[in-house]
Amino acid sequence: MVMGLCLLVYSLGQRALRQALQAAKESIPNQVGKPTTTPTLRWIFQCFQSIHLVMINGAKQIANLTEERQWLLQFLGATVVNIIYFSS
């Protein structure tokens, strides 16, 4: 049951991402650099894998959040953006 629920959430997230890309008439580069409008959520997770929350002199900062990754965030929705920016 837990695995089924996880797959449901995963597919809903992927569907929402693809709909956001379609609505914006945008594409993102896939693993080989070609533009795609149907990325997998696994690929998006890999794109964000190297982002880290670091503490420097007691201040929290987000490391490795490039402009490209910030651009990708707009397609993931406000909830994801709030989690990334306000958890720091």
PDB file of N, CA and C in Angstrom:
ATOM      1  N   MET A   1       0.821  -1.184   0.000  1.00  0.00           N
ATOM      2  CA  MET A   1       0.000   0.000   0.000  1.00  0.00           C
ATOM      3  C   MET A   1       0.874   1.260   0.000  1.00  0.00           C
ATOM      4  N   VAL A   2       1.939   1.250   0.797  1.00  0.00           N
ATOM      5  CA  VAL A   2       2.829   2.408   0.862  1.00  0.00           C
ATOM      6  C   VAL A   2       3.498   2.631  -0.491  1.00  0.00           C
ATOM      7  N   MET A   3       3.948   1.548  -1.127  1.00  0.00           N
ATOM      8  CA  MET A   3       4.594   1.663  -2.437  1.00  0.00           C
ATOM      9  C   MET A   3       3.610   2.221  -3.464  1.00  0.00           C
ATOM     10  N   GLY A   4       2.386   1.776  -3.435  1.00  0.00           N
ATOM     11  CA  GLY A   4       1.365   2.295  -4.351  1.00  0.00           C
ATOM     12  C   GLY A   4       1.136   3.781  -4.147  1.00  0.00           C
ATOM     13  N   LEU A   5       1.096   4.215  -2.891  1.00  0.00           N
ATOM     14  CA  LEU A   5       0.925   5.629  -2.587  1.00  0.00           C
ATOM     15  C   LEU A   5       2.121   6.449  -3.081  1.00  0.00           C
ATOM     16  N   CYS A   6       3.323   5.912  -2.884  1.00  0.00           N
ATOM     17  CA  CYS A   6       4.532   6.602  -3.365  1.00  0.00           C
ATOM     18  C   CYS A   6       4.509   6.758  -4.874  1.00  0.00           C
ATOM     19  N   LEU A   7       4.127   5.714  -5.585  1.00  0.00           N
ATOM     20  CA  LEU A   7       4.050   5.785  -7.047  1.00  0.00           C
ATOM     21  C   LEU A   7       2.982   6.773  -7.508  1.00  0.00           C
ATOM     22  N   LEU A   8       1.896   6.860  -6.768  1.00  0.00           N
ATOM     23  CA  LEU A   8       0.847   7.815  -7.099  1.00  0.00           C
ATOM     24  C   LEU A   8       1.365   9.248  -6.959  1.00  0.00           C
ATOM     25  N   VAL A   9       2.020   9.543  -5.849  1.00  0.00           N
ATOM     26  CA  VAL A   9       2.560  10.888  -5.626  1.00  0.00           C
ATOM     27  C   VAL A   9       3.607  11.220  -6.684  1.00  0.00           C
ATOM     28  N   TYR A  10       4.468  10.265  -7.000  1.00  0.00           N
ATOM     29  CA  TYR A  10       5.497  10.453  -8.021  1.00  0.00           C
ATOM     30  C   TYR A  10       4.868  10.776  -9.376  1.00  0.00           C
ATOM     31  N   SER A  11       3.873  10.002  -9.776  1.00  0.00           N
ATOM     32  CA  SER A  11       3.259  10.231 -11.089  1.00  0.00           C
ATOM     33  C   SER A  11       2.476  11.546 -11.119  1.00  0.00           C
ATOM     34  N   LEU A  12       1.872  11.928 -10.002  1.00  0.00           N
ATOM     35  CA  LEU A  12       1.171  13.219  -9.961  1.00  0.00           C
ATOM     36  C   LEU A  12       2.149  14.386 -10.070  1.00  0.00           C
ATOM     37  N   GLY A  13       3.303  14.264  -9.425  1.00  0.00           N
ATOM     38  CA  GLY A  13       4.328  15.297  -9.530  1.00  0.00           C
ATOM     39  C   GLY A  13       4.865  15.416 -10.942  1.00  0.00           C
ATOM     40  N   GLN A  14       5.104  14.282 -11.576  1.00  0.00           N
ATOM     41  CA  GLN A  14       5.598  14.280 -12.957  1.00  0.00           C
ATOM     42  C   GLN A  14       4.557  14.867 -13.905  1.00  0.00           C
ATOM     43  N   ARG A  15       3.308  14.526 -13.686  1.00  0.00           N
ATOM     44  CA  ARG A  15       2.222  15.054 -14.518  1.00  0.00           C
ATOM     45  C   ARG A  15       2.099  16.564 -14.360  1.00  0.00           C
ATOM     46  N   ALA A  16       2.194  17.051 -13.126  1.00  0.00           N
ATOM     47  CA  ALA A  16       2.102  18.490 -12.879  1.00  0.00           C
ATOM     48  C   ALA A  16       3.264  19.233 -13.541  1.00  0.00           C
ATOM     49  N   LEU A  17       4.461  18.662 -13.463  1.00  0.00           N
ATOM     50  CA  LEU A  17       5.625  19.274 -14.108  1.00  0.00           C
ATOM     51  C   LEU A  17       5.424  19.359 -15.614  1.00  0.00           C
ATOM     52  N   ARG A  18       4.990  18.270 -16.223  1.00  0.00           N
ATOM     53  CA  ARG A  18       4.788  18.255 -17.676  1.00  0.00           C
ATOM     54  C   ARG A  18       3.687  19.215 -18.097  1.00  0.00           C
ATOM     55  N   GLN A  19       2.637  19.329 -17.304  1.00  0.00           N
ATOM     56  CA  GLN A  19       1.566  20.282 -17.631  1.00  0.00           C
ATOM     57  C   GLN A  19       2.064  21.718 -17.522  1.00  0.00           C
ATOM     58  N   ALA A  20       2.888  22.002 -16.526  1.00  0.00           N
ATOM     59  CA  ALA A  20       3.442  23.351 -16.371  1.00  0.00           C
ATOM     60  C   ALA A  20       4.349  23.696 -17.549  1.00  0.00           C
ATOM     61  N   LEU A  21       5.143  22.739 -17.993  1.00  0.00           N
ATOM     62  CA  LEU A  21       5.997  22.969 -19.162  1.00  0.00           C
ATOM     63  C   LEU A  21       5.155  23.212 -20.412  1.00  0.00           C
ATOM     64  N   GLN A  22       4.097  22.427 -20.568  1.00  0.00           N
ATOM     65  CA  GLN A  22       3.229  22.570 -21.737  1.00  0.00           C
ATOM     66  C   GLN A  22       2.509  23.915 -21.711  1.00  0.00           C
ATOM     67  N   ALA A  23       2.035  24.337 -20.556  1.00  0.00           N
ATOM     68  CA  ALA A  23       1.321  25.609 -20.443  1.00  0.00           C
ATOM     69  C   ALA A  23       2.237  26.787 -20.745  1.00  0.00           C
ATOM     70  N   ALA A  24       3.504  26.667 -20.350  1.00  0.00           N
ATOM     71  CA  ALA A  24       4.462  27.748 -20.594  1.00  0.00           C
ATOM     72  C   ALA A  24       5.103  27.636 -21.976  1.00  0.00           C
ATOM     73  N   LYS A  25       4.787  26.553 -22.695  1.00  0.00           N
ATOM     74  CA  LYS A  25       5.384  26.284 -24.008  1.00  0.00           C
ATOM     75  C   LYS A  25       6.912  26.315 -23.920  1.00  0.00           C
ATOM     76  N   GLU A  26       7.419  25.630 -22.910  1.00  0.00           N
ATOM     77  CA  GLU A  26       8.860  25.560 -22.650  1.00  0.00           C
ATOM     78  C   GLU A  26       9.313  24.108 -22.715  1.00  0.00           C
ATOM     79  N   SER A  27      10.605  23.930 -22.818  1.00  0.00           N
ATOM     80  CA  SER A  27      11.208  22.610 -22.740  1.00  0.00           C
ATOM     81  C   SER A  27      12.478  22.734 -21.905  1.00  0.00           C
ATOM     82  N   ILE A  28      12.911  21.607 -21.391  1.00  0.00           N
ATOM     83  CA  ILE A  28      14.147  21.595 -20.612  1.00  0.00           C
ATOM     84  C   ILE A  28      15.085  20.579 -21.235  1.00  0.00           C
ATOM     85  N   PRO A  29      16.376  20.750 -21.040  1.00  0.00           N
ATOM     86  CA  PRO A  29      17.313  19.776 -21.608  1.00  0.00           C
ATOM     87  C   PRO A  29      17.249  18.445 -20.861  1.00  0.00           C
ATOM     88  N   ASN A  30      17.283  17.359 -21.635  1.00  0.00           N
ATOM     89  CA  ASN A  30      17.293  16.039 -21.003  1.00  0.00           C
ATOM     90  C   ASN A  30      18.729  15.625 -20.711  1.00  0.00           C
ATOM     91  N   GLN A  31      18.949  14.354 -20.425  1.00  0.00           N
ATOM     92  CA  GLN A  31      20.267  13.873 -20.011  1.00  0.00           C
ATOM     93  C   GLN A  31      21.341  14.070 -21.078  1.00  0.00           C
ATOM     94  N   VAL A  32      20.967  14.057 -22.352  1.00  0.00           N
ATOM     95  CA  VAL A  32      21.949  14.227 -23.429  1.00  0.00           C
ATOM     96  C   VAL A  32      21.937  15.647 -23.987  1.00  0.00           C
ATOM     97  N   GLY A  33      21.172  16.547 -23.345  1.00  0.00           N
ATOM     98  CA  GLY A  33      21.171  17.954 -23.723  1.00  0.00           C
ATOM     99  C   GLY A  33      20.141  18.363 -24.753  1.00  0.00           C
ATOM    100  N   LYS A  34      19.316  17.432 -25.199  1.00  0.00           N
ATOM    101  CA  LYS A  34      18.272  17.764 -26.169  1.00  0.00           C
ATOM    102  C   LYS A  34      17.031  18.267 -25.440  1.00  0.00           C
ATOM    103  N   PRO A  35      16.345  19.263 -26.004  1.00  0.00           N
ATOM    104  CA  PRO A  35      15.147  19.782 -25.325  1.00  0.00           C
ATOM    105  C   PRO A  35      14.010  18.753 -25.304  1.00  0.00           C
ATOM    106  N   THR A  36      13.331  18.690 -24.179  1.00  0.00           N
ATOM    107  CA  THR A  36      12.191  17.787 -24.045  1.00  0.00           C
ATOM    108  C   THR A  36      11.081  18.476 -23.256  1.00  0.00           C
ATOM    109  N   THR A  37       9.851  18.153 -23.606  1.00  0.00           N
ATOM    110  CA  THR A  37       8.701  18.669 -22.860  1.00  0.00           C
ATOM    111  C   THR A  37       8.121  17.590 -21.944  1.00  0.00           C
ATOM    112  N   THR A  38       8.727  16.400 -21.985  1.00  0.00           N
ATOM    113  CA  THR A  38       8.245  15.297 -21.150  1.00  0.00           C
ATOM    114  C   THR A  38       9.381  14.709 -20.306  1.00  0.00           C
ATOM    115  N   PRO A  39       9.949  15.518 -19.425  1.00  0.00           N
ATOM    116  CA  PRO A  39      11.027  14.978 -18.578  1.00  0.00           C
ATOM    117  C   PRO A  39      10.463  14.060 -17.501  1.00  0.00           C
ATOM    118  N   THR A  40      11.285  13.167 -17.041  1.00  0.00           N
ATOM    119  CA  THR A  40      10.869  12.334 -15.915  1.00  0.00           C
ATOM    120  C   THR A  40      11.189  13.073 -14.624  1.00  0.00           C
ATOM    121  N   LEU A  41      10.445  12.767 -13.599  1.00  0.00           N
ATOM    122  CA  LEU A  41      10.687  13.402 -12.306  1.00  0.00           C
ATOM    123  C   LEU A  41      12.031  12.947 -11.741  1.00  0.00           C
ATOM    124  N   ARG A  42      12.443  11.746 -12.094  1.00  0.00           N
ATOM    125  CA  ARG A  42      13.752  11.254 -11.655  1.00  0.00           C
ATOM    126  C   ARG A  42      14.859  12.146 -12.199  1.00  0.00           C
ATOM    127  N   TRP A  43      14.750  12.562 -13.456  1.00  0.00           N
ATOM    128  CA  TRP A  43      15.747  13.450 -14.043  1.00  0.00           C
ATOM    129  C   TRP A  43      15.768  14.800 -13.327  1.00  0.00           C
ATOM    130  N   ILE A  44      14.609  15.323 -12.987  1.00  0.00           N
ATOM    131  CA  ILE A  44      14.533  16.595 -12.274  1.00  0.00           C
ATOM    132  C   ILE A  44      15.164  16.459 -10.889  1.00  0.00           C
ATOM    133  N   PHE A  45      14.904  15.347 -10.210  1.00  0.00           N
ATOM    134  CA  PHE A  45      15.527  15.105  -8.904  1.00  0.00           C
ATOM    135  C   PHE A  45      17.047  15.078  -9.033  1.00  0.00           C
ATOM    136  N   GLN A  46      17.556  14.465 -10.097  1.00  0.00           N
ATOM    137  CA  GLN A  46      18.998  14.416 -10.306  1.00  0.00           C
ATOM    138  C   GLN A  46      19.568  15.808 -10.563  1.00  0.00           C
ATOM    139  N   CYS A  47      18.809  16.659 -11.229  1.00  0.00           N
ATOM    140  CA  CYS A  47      19.265  18.030 -11.482  1.00  0.00           C
ATOM    141  C   CYS A  47      19.453  18.794 -10.169  1.00  0.00           C
ATOM    142  N   PHE A  48      18.635  18.503  -9.176  1.00  0.00           N
ATOM    143  CA  PHE A  48      18.688  19.206  -7.902  1.00  0.00           C
ATOM    144  C   PHE A  48      19.500  18.459  -6.836  1.00  0.00           C
ATOM    145  N   GLN A  49      20.143  17.374  -7.222  1.00  0.00           N
ATOM    146  CA  GLN A  49      20.835  16.528  -6.261  1.00  0.00           C
ATOM    147  C   GLN A  49      21.986  17.236  -5.549  1.00  0.00           C
ATOM    148  N   SER A  50      22.656  18.158  -6.193  1.00  0.00           N
ATOM    149  CA  SER A  50      23.838  18.767  -5.586  1.00  0.00           C
ATOM    150  C   SER A  50      23.553  20.063  -4.824  1.00  0.00           C
ATOM    151  N   ILE A  51      22.283  20.366  -4.581  1.00  0.00           N
ATOM    152  CA  ILE A  51      21.939  21.545  -3.786  1.00  0.00           C
ATOM    153  C   ILE A  51      22.011  21.170  -2.313  1.00  0.00           C
ATOM    154  N   HIS A  52      22.673  22.029  -1.529  1.00  0.00           N
ATOM    155  CA  HIS A  52      22.857  21.731  -0.106  1.00  0.00           C
ATOM    156  C   HIS A  52      22.521  22.953   0.737  1.00  0.00           C
ATOM    157  N   LEU A  53      22.018  22.698   1.919  1.00  0.00           N
ATOM    158  CA  LEU A  53      21.795  23.747   2.903  1.00  0.00           C
ATOM    159  C   LEU A  53      22.999  23.745   3.829  1.00  0.00           C
ATOM    160  N   VAL A  54      23.717  24.866   3.882  1.00  0.00           N
ATOM    161  CA  VAL A  54      24.928  24.943   4.704  1.00  0.00           C
ATOM    162  C   VAL A  54      24.773  26.044   5.741  1.00  0.00           C
ATOM    163  N   MET A  55      25.456  25.858   6.864  1.00  0.00           N
ATOM    164  CA  MET A  55      25.472  26.867   7.927  1.00  0.00           C
ATOM    165  C   MET A  55      26.846  27.527   7.923  1.00  0.00           C
ATOM    166  N   ILE A  56      26.870  28.843   7.727  1.00  0.00           N
ATOM    167  CA  ILE A  56      28.112  29.599   7.764  1.00  0.00           C
ATOM    168  C   ILE A  56      27.943  30.704   8.799  1.00  0.00           C
ATOM    169  N   ASN A  57      28.726  30.630   9.855  1.00  0.00           N
ATOM    170  CA  ASN A  57      28.645  31.590  10.957  1.00  0.00           C
ATOM    171  C   ASN A  57      27.226  31.721  11.507  1.00  0.00           C
ATOM    172  N   GLY A  58      26.526  30.603  11.607  1.00  0.00           N
ATOM    173  CA  GLY A  58      25.182  30.597  12.157  1.00  0.00           C
ATOM    174  C   GLY A  58      24.094  30.981  11.170  1.00  0.00           C
ATOM    175  N   ALA A  59      24.467  31.353   9.948  1.00  0.00           N
ATOM    176  CA  ALA A  59      23.476  31.731   8.934  1.00  0.00           C
ATOM    177  C   ALA A  59      23.300  30.578   7.950  1.00  0.00           C
ATOM    178  N   LYS A  60      22.054  30.242   7.656  1.00  0.00           N
ATOM    179  CA  LYS A  60      21.773  29.187   6.695  1.00  0.00           C
ATOM    180  C   LYS A  60      21.828  29.759   5.284  1.00  0.00           C
ATOM    181  N   GLN A  61      22.488  29.018   4.388  1.00  0.00           N
ATOM    182  CA  GLN A  61      22.575  29.413   2.990  1.00  0.00           C
ATOM    183  C   GLN A  61      22.375  28.197   2.103  1.00  0.00           C
ATOM    184  N   ILE A  62      21.839  28.426   0.911  1.00  0.00           N
ATOM    185  CA  ILE A  62      21.644  27.353  -0.053  1.00  0.00           C
ATOM    186  C   ILE A  62      22.827  27.377  -1.011  1.00  0.00           C
ATOM    187  N   ALA A  63      23.539  26.251  -1.111  1.00  0.00           N
ATOM    188  CA  ALA A  63      24.713  26.161  -1.984  1.00  0.00           C
ATOM    189  C   ALA A  63      24.335  25.472  -3.295  1.00  0.00           C
ATOM    190  N   ASN A  64      24.918  25.930  -4.379  1.00  0.00           N
ATOM    191  CA  ASN A  64      24.771  25.354  -5.720  1.00  0.00           C
ATOM    192  C   ASN A  64      23.385  25.546  -6.327  1.00  0.00           C
ATOM    193  N   LEU A  65      22.670  26.570  -5.948  1.00  0.00           N
ATOM    194  CA  LEU A  65      21.381  26.862  -6.567  1.00  0.00           C
ATOM    195  C   LEU A  65      21.639  27.828  -7.718  1.00  0.00           C
ATOM    196  N   THR A  66      21.924  27.266  -8.888  1.00  0.00           N
ATOM    197  CA  THR A  66      22.285  28.056 -10.059  1.00  0.00           C
ATOM    198  C   THR A  66      21.055  28.700 -10.680  1.00  0.00           C
ATOM    199  N   GLU A  67      21.291  29.584 -11.639  1.00  0.00           N
ATOM    200  CA  GLU A  67      20.174  30.233 -12.336  1.00  0.00           C
ATOM    201  C   GLU A  67      19.335  29.208 -13.096  1.00  0.00           C
ATOM    202  N   GLU A  68      19.984  28.204 -13.668  1.00  0.00           N
ATOM    203  CA  GLU A  68      19.252  27.160 -14.389  1.00  0.00           C
ATOM    204  C   GLU A  68      18.330  26.389 -13.449  1.00  0.00           C
ATOM    205  N   ARG A  69      18.810  26.078 -12.256  1.00  0.00           N
ATOM    206  CA  ARG A  69      17.990  25.361 -11.281  1.00  0.00           C
ATOM    207  C   ARG A  69      16.862  26.254 -10.765  1.00  0.00           C
ATOM    208  N   GLN A  70      17.135  27.545 -10.602  1.00  0.00           N
ATOM    209  CA  GLN A  70      16.075  28.465 -10.197  1.00  0.00           C
ATOM    210  C   GLN A  70      15.016  28.560 -11.280  1.00  0.00           C
ATOM    211  N   TRP A  71      15.430  28.524 -12.545  1.00  0.00           N
ATOM    212  CA  TRP A  71      14.488  28.550 -13.665  1.00  0.00           C
ATOM    213  C   TRP A  71      13.621  27.293 -13.647  1.00  0.00           C
ATOM    214  N   LEU A  72      14.225  26.139 -13.350  1.00  0.00           N
ATOM    215  CA  LEU A  72      13.468  24.891 -13.271  1.00  0.00           C
ATOM    216  C   LEU A  72      12.436  24.914 -12.152  1.00  0.00           C
ATOM    217  N   LEU A  73      12.754  25.603 -11.066  1.00  0.00           N
ATOM    218  CA  LEU A  73      11.842  25.653  -9.915  1.00  0.00           C
ATOM    219  C   LEU A  73      10.478  26.229 -10.271  1.00  0.00           C
ATOM    220  N   GLN A  74      10.426  27.154 -11.220  1.00  0.00           N
ATOM    221  CA  GLN A  74       9.152  27.771 -11.557  1.00  0.00           C
ATOM    222  C   GLN A  74       8.134  26.758 -12.088  1.00  0.00           C
ATOM    223  N   PHE A  75       8.601  25.646 -12.625  1.00  0.00           N
ATOM    224  CA  PHE A  75       7.704  24.632 -13.158  1.00  0.00           C
ATOM    225  C   PHE A  75       7.272  23.614 -12.106  1.00  0.00           C
ATOM    226  N   LEU A  76       7.893  23.641 -10.944  1.00  0.00           N
ATOM    227  CA  LEU A  76       7.567  22.675  -9.898  1.00  0.00           C
ATOM    228  C   LEU A  76       6.498  23.161  -8.935  1.00  0.00           C
ATOM    229  N   GLY A  77       6.133  24.425  -9.000  1.00  0.00           N
ATOM    230  CA  GLY A  77       5.049  24.925  -8.172  1.00  0.00           C
ATOM    231  C   GLY A  77       5.520  25.662  -6.933  1.00  0.00           C
ATOM    232  N   ALA A  78       4.615  26.408  -6.359  1.00  0.00           N
ATOM    233  CA  ALA A  78       4.916  27.274  -5.221  1.00  0.00           C
ATOM    234  C   ALA A  78       5.293  26.485  -3.970  1.00  0.00           C
ATOM    235  N   THR A  79       4.715  25.326  -3.774  1.00  0.00           N
ATOM    236  CA  THR A  79       5.015  24.532  -2.582  1.00  0.00           C
ATOM    237  C   THR A  79       6.478  24.117  -2.552  1.00  0.00           C
ATOM    238  N   VAL A  80       6.982  23.655  -3.676  1.00  0.00           N
ATOM    239  CA  VAL A  80       8.386  23.234  -3.751  1.00  0.00           C
ATOM    240  C   VAL A  80       9.308  24.422  -3.543  1.00  0.00           C
ATOM    241  N   VAL A  81       8.987  25.549  -4.151  1.00  0.00           N
ATOM    242  CA  VAL A  81       9.798  26.755  -4.000  1.00  0.00           C
ATOM    243  C   VAL A  81       9.832  27.186  -2.540  1.00  0.00           C
ATOM    244  N   ASN A  82       8.700  27.139  -1.867  1.00  0.00           N
ATOM    245  CA  ASN A  82       8.652  27.507  -0.448  1.00  0.00           C
ATOM    246  C   ASN A  82       9.492  26.566   0.403  1.00  0.00           C
ATOM    247  N   ILE A  83       9.467  25.300   0.085  1.00  0.00           N
ATOM    248  CA  ILE A  83      10.260  24.324   0.853  1.00  0.00           C
ATOM    249  C   ILE A  83      11.747  24.639   0.693  1.00  0.00           C
ATOM    250  N   ILE A  84      12.171  24.929  -0.513  1.00  0.00           N
ATOM    251  CA  ILE A  84      13.602  25.164  -0.754  1.00  0.00           C
ATOM    252  C   ILE A  84      14.047  26.487  -0.150  1.00  0.00           C
ATOM    253  N   TYR A  85      13.307  27.550  -0.380  1.00  0.00           N
ATOM    254  CA  TYR A  85      13.758  28.859   0.074  1.00  0.00           C
ATOM    255  C   TYR A  85      13.493  29.137   1.554  1.00  0.00           C
ATOM    256  N   PHE A  86      12.404  28.623   2.088  1.00  0.00           N
ATOM    257  CA  PHE A  86      12.069  28.958   3.454  1.00  0.00           C
ATOM    258  C   PHE A  86      12.525  27.922   4.463  1.00  0.00           C
ATOM    259  N   SER A  87      13.116  26.826   3.992  1.00  0.00           N
ATOM    260  CA  SER A  87      13.702  25.884   4.935  1.00  0.00           C
ATOM    261  C   SER A  87      15.083  26.353   5.360  1.00  0.00           C
ATOM    262  N   SER A  88      15.592  27.332   4.643  1.00  0.00           N
ATOM    263  CA  SER A  88      16.942  27.828   4.965  1.00  0.00           C
ATOM    264  C   SER A  88      16.926  28.912   5.986  1.00  0.00           C
TER     265      SER A  88
END
